[in-house]
Amino acid sequence: MQLLHFGLFLGIYLAALLGNGLILTAVAFDHRLHTPMYFFLLNLALLNLGCISTTLPKAMANALWDTRAISYQGCSVQVFFFLFFIAAEYSVLTLMSYDCYAAICKPLHYGSLVGSRACAQMAAAAWGSGFLNAVLHTATTFSLPLSKPPSISSPSLDLVVAVLYSVVPAAMNPPIYSMRNKELKDALRKLFGYIYSSLIIGAKS
């Protein structure tokens, strides 16, 4: 069972790294994607990578070594970063919704509502609100006496729910929010073509 859990977590982690990594590379590589929508998508990909990297490596190590141990300090750090990335991710998703609203409902004012300066300020606010939320919740949680109460559900169900909430979104966000996008697909094809051409030229030289 431990090896099965490790393989499952590893597959999800690699899928998340690949999907979000492709988004980051494509947006940075193609100047046509330097727009508010893809700027927010880039922030979402960064947050997805941070969120899944906070939990899955430790979960894979525990599954591989058949242990559930984590230090008090390690637990507090993990809780802080998980809350930070999750809260900031919700804020970025809200900004993406606002960007769509402005583009559809107020196209004439879109440039002023979602300009480059406004995008930077909104993104900074999203990351800042995530940090503040994480500080407050982590400090409150670890200031209380810990008493780790018995669950009313089975351990297997607890594991499934935890994976669905903390792991799966980071792997599924890339195909949901971007991989069906024609502009992003074109950017990825262009990127892969550039890499392939570079490899061929390097091999010939």
Protein backbone atom coordinates (compact mmCIF):
# COMPACT_ATOMS: atom_id res chain seq x y z
CA MET A 1 0.00 0.00 0.00
CA GLN A 2 2.86 2.35 0.82
CA LEU A 3 4.40 1.83 -2.62
CA LEU A 4 1.00 2.39 -4.22
CA HIS A 5 0.58 5.68 -2.35
CA PHE A 6 4.11 6.73 -3.29
CA GLY A 7 3.53 5.96 -6.97
CA LEU A 8 0.21 7.81 -6.98
CA PHE A 9 1.66 10.88 -5.27
CA LEU A 10 4.69 10.84 -7.56
CA GLY A 11 2.50 10.70 -10.67
CA ILE A 12 0.36 13.61 -9.48
CA TYR A 13 3.43 15.63 -8.51
CA LEU A 14 5.12 15.10 -11.86
CA ALA A 15 1.89 16.02 -13.69
CA ALA A 16 1.63 19.22 -11.66
CA LEU A 17 5.27 20.10 -12.28
CA LEU A 18 4.94 19.45 -16.00
CA GLY A 19 1.66 21.29 -16.51
CA ASN A 20 2.47 24.35 -14.46
CA GLY A 21 6.06 24.40 -15.70
CA LEU A 22 4.85 24.47 -19.30
CA ILE A 23 2.55 27.39 -18.50
CA LEU A 24 5.35 29.37 -16.85
CA THR A 25 7.74 28.71 -19.72
CA ALA A 26 5.21 29.47 -22.45
CA VAL A 27 4.06 32.75 -20.89
CA ALA A 28 7.64 33.89 -20.31
CA PHE A 29 8.76 32.78 -23.77
CA ASP A 30 5.98 34.20 -25.97
CA HIS A 31 5.52 37.98 -25.92
CA ARG A 32 1.99 37.58 -27.31
CA LEU A 33 1.01 36.12 -23.95
CA HIS A 34 2.17 39.16 -22.00
CA THR A 35 -1.42 40.18 -21.26
CA PRO A 36 -3.34 40.51 -17.96
CA MET A 37 -5.05 37.13 -18.35
CA TYR A 38 -1.79 35.24 -18.82
CA PHE A 39 -0.07 37.32 -16.16
CA PHE A 40 -2.63 36.09 -13.64
CA LEU A 41 -2.34 32.58 -15.06
CA LEU A 42 1.42 32.72 -14.49
CA ASN A 43 0.81 33.70 -10.86
CA LEU A 44 -1.66 30.83 -10.50
CA ALA A 45 0.91 28.36 -11.87
CA LEU A 46 3.52 29.60 -9.38
CA LEU A 47 1.07 29.22 -6.51
CA ASN A 48 0.09 25.73 -7.67
CA LEU A 49 3.72 24.66 -7.69
CA GLY A 50 4.29 26.14 -4.25
CA CYS A 51 1.16 24.56 -2.79
CA ILE A 52 1.81 21.04 -4.05
CA SER A 53 5.52 21.23 -3.17
CA THR A 54 4.55 22.07 0.41
CA THR A 55 2.71 18.81 1.01
CA LEU A 56 3.56 16.11 -1.53
CA PRO A 57 7.32 15.63 -1.01
CA LYS A 58 6.76 14.96 2.71
CA ALA A 59 3.79 12.72 1.93
CA MET A 60 5.86 10.73 -0.57
CA ALA A 61 8.69 10.35 1.95
CA ASN A 62 6.25 9.16 4.62
CA ALA A 63 4.65 6.68 2.23
CA LEU A 64 8.02 5.36 1.12
CA TRP A 65 9.35 4.90 4.66
CA ASP A 66 6.00 3.80 6.12
CA THR A 67 5.79 6.54 8.74
CA ARG A 68 3.48 9.39 9.67
CA ALA A 69 6.03 11.34 11.70
CA ILE A 70 6.62 15.07 11.27
CA SER A 71 8.38 17.44 13.63
CA TYR A 72 6.51 20.21 15.43
CA GLN A 73 8.53 22.86 13.59
CA GLY A 74 8.07 21.06 10.28
CA CYS A 75 4.32 20.86 10.83
CA SER A 76 4.05 24.57 11.62
CA VAL A 77 6.10 25.51 8.53
CA GLN A 78 4.01 23.23 6.35
CA VAL A 79 0.75 24.68 7.69
CA PHE A 80 2.00 28.24 7.14
CA PHE A 81 3.08 27.74 3.54
CA PHE A 82 0.02 25.67 2.65
CA LEU A 83 -2.33 28.37 3.98
CA PHE A 84 -0.24 31.05 2.27
CA PHE A 85 -0.38 29.44 -1.16
CA ILE A 86 -4.02 28.38 -0.90
CA ALA A 87 -5.25 31.82 0.22
CA ALA A 88 -3.21 33.60 -2.45
CA GLU A 89 -4.50 31.12 -5.05
CA TYR A 90 -8.12 31.93 -4.19
CA SER A 91 -7.31 35.62 -4.56
CA VAL A 92 -5.68 35.09 -7.96
CA LEU A 93 -8.68 33.07 -9.16
CA THR A 94 -10.86 36.01 -8.12
CA LEU A 95 -8.61 38.36 -10.11
CA MET A 96 -8.90 36.09 -13.14
CA SER A 97 -12.68 36.29 -12.85
CA TYR A 98 -12.47 40.08 -12.59
CA ASP A 99 -10.28 40.17 -15.70
CA CYS A 100 -12.90 38.17 -17.64
CA TYR A 101 -15.66 40.44 -16.34
CA ALA A 102 -13.80 43.58 -17.40
CA ALA A 103 -13.01 42.16 -20.85
CA ILE A 104 -16.61 41.10 -21.53
CA CYS A 105 -18.71 43.72 -19.76
CA LYS A 106 -16.50 46.81 -19.99
CA PRO A 107 -14.30 46.37 -23.07
CA LEU A 108 -13.90 50.13 -23.64
CA HIS A 109 -12.48 50.61 -20.16
CA TYR A 110 -10.48 47.37 -20.08
CA GLY A 111 -7.12 49.07 -20.59
CA SER A 112 -7.60 51.38 -17.64
CA LEU A 113 -9.21 48.77 -15.36
CA VAL A 114 -6.65 46.04 -15.97
CA GLY A 115 -3.52 47.89 -17.04
CA SER A 116 0.00 46.69 -16.30
CA ARG A 117 0.27 48.78 -13.12
CA ALA A 118 -3.15 47.66 -11.90
CA CYS A 119 -2.25 44.02 -12.59
CA ALA A 120 0.97 44.31 -10.60
CA GLN A 121 -0.86 45.94 -7.69
CA MET A 122 -3.62 43.32 -7.70
CA ALA A 123 -1.13 40.46 -7.84
CA ALA A 124 0.86 41.98 -4.98
CA ALA A 125 -2.36 42.32 -2.98
CA ALA A 126 -3.20 38.66 -3.64
CA TRP A 127 0.21 37.45 -2.44
CA GLY A 128 0.13 39.86 0.50
CA SER A 129 -3.34 38.76 1.60
CA GLY A 130 -2.21 35.14 1.41
CA PHE A 131 0.77 35.90 3.63
CA LEU A 132 -1.35 37.78 6.17
CA ASN A 133 -3.94 35.00 6.23
CA ALA A 134 -1.22 32.37 6.76
CA VAL A 135 0.42 34.33 9.59
CA LEU A 136 -2.85 34.85 11.46
CA HIS A 137 -4.15 31.30 11.08
CA THR A 138 -0.82 29.62 11.82
CA ALA A 139 -0.20 31.76 14.90
CA THR A 140 -3.72 31.09 16.17
CA THR A 141 -3.53 27.35 15.49
CA PHE A 142 -0.20 26.77 17.21
CA SER A 143 -1.02 29.00 20.17
CA LEU A 144 -3.74 26.54 21.20
CA PRO A 145 -3.04 23.35 23.17
CA LEU A 146 -2.70 20.49 20.69
CA SER A 147 -4.87 17.47 21.36
CA LYS A 148 -3.70 15.82 16.86
CA PRO A 149 -8.86 14.36 18.28
CA PRO A 150 -10.11 10.97 16.94
CA SER A 151 -11.57 11.17 13.46
CA ILE A 152 -15.21 10.29 12.93
CA SER A 153 -14.39 8.86 9.48
CA SER A 154 -12.04 6.16 8.27
CA PRO A 155 -8.34 6.93 7.67
CA SER A 156 -8.75 6.02 4.00
CA LEU A 157 -11.56 8.54 3.57
CA ASP A 158 -9.50 11.19 5.37
CA LEU A 159 -6.63 10.54 2.97
CA VAL A 160 -8.85 10.79 -0.11
CA VAL A 161 -10.40 14.06 1.06
CA ALA A 162 -6.98 15.53 1.92
CA VAL A 163 -5.64 14.61 -1.51
CA LEU A 164 -8.68 16.08 -3.27
CA TYR A 165 -8.37 19.39 -1.44
CA SER A 166 -4.60 19.86 -1.31
CA VAL A 167 -3.08 17.95 -4.23
CA VAL A 168 -5.45 17.41 -7.14
CA PRO A 169 -6.22 21.11 -7.88
CA ALA A 170 -2.55 21.89 -8.53
CA ALA A 171 -2.39 19.10 -11.10
CA MET A 172 -5.79 19.83 -12.67
CA ASN A 173 -5.62 23.63 -12.90
CA PRO A 174 -3.31 23.66 -15.96
CA PRO A 175 -5.64 21.65 -18.26
CA ILE A 176 -8.74 23.33 -16.85
CA TYR A 177 -7.58 26.93 -17.16
CA SER A 178 -5.11 26.90 -19.99
CA MET A 179 -4.34 23.79 -22.01
CA ARG A 180 -7.52 24.18 -24.08
CA ASN A 181 -6.51 27.74 -24.90
CA LYS A 182 -5.48 28.15 -28.55
CA GLU A 183 -2.98 30.95 -27.90
CA LEU A 184 -1.21 28.92 -25.24
CA LYS A 185 -1.14 25.84 -27.46
CA ASP A 186 0.43 27.90 -30.24
CA ALA A 187 3.01 29.26 -27.80
CA LEU A 188 3.88 25.73 -26.64
CA ARG A 189 4.23 24.50 -30.22
CA LYS A 190 6.51 27.43 -30.95
CA LEU A 191 8.53 26.70 -27.81
CA PHE A 192 8.90 23.00 -28.61
CA GLY A 193 9.87 23.87 -32.18
CA TYR A 194 12.54 26.24 -30.91
CA ILE A 195 13.91 23.62 -28.51
CA TYR A 196 13.91 20.95 -31.24
CA SER A 197 15.71 23.26 -33.69
CA SER A 198 18.29 24.13 -31.05
CA LEU A 199 18.93 20.46 -30.33
CA ILE A 200 19.33 19.67 -34.03
CA ILE A 201 21.73 22.58 -34.56
CA GLY A 202 23.68 21.59 -31.46
CA ALA A 203 23.92 17.97 -32.63
CA LYS A 204 25.17 19.00 -36.09
CA SER A 205 27.77 21.35 -34.67
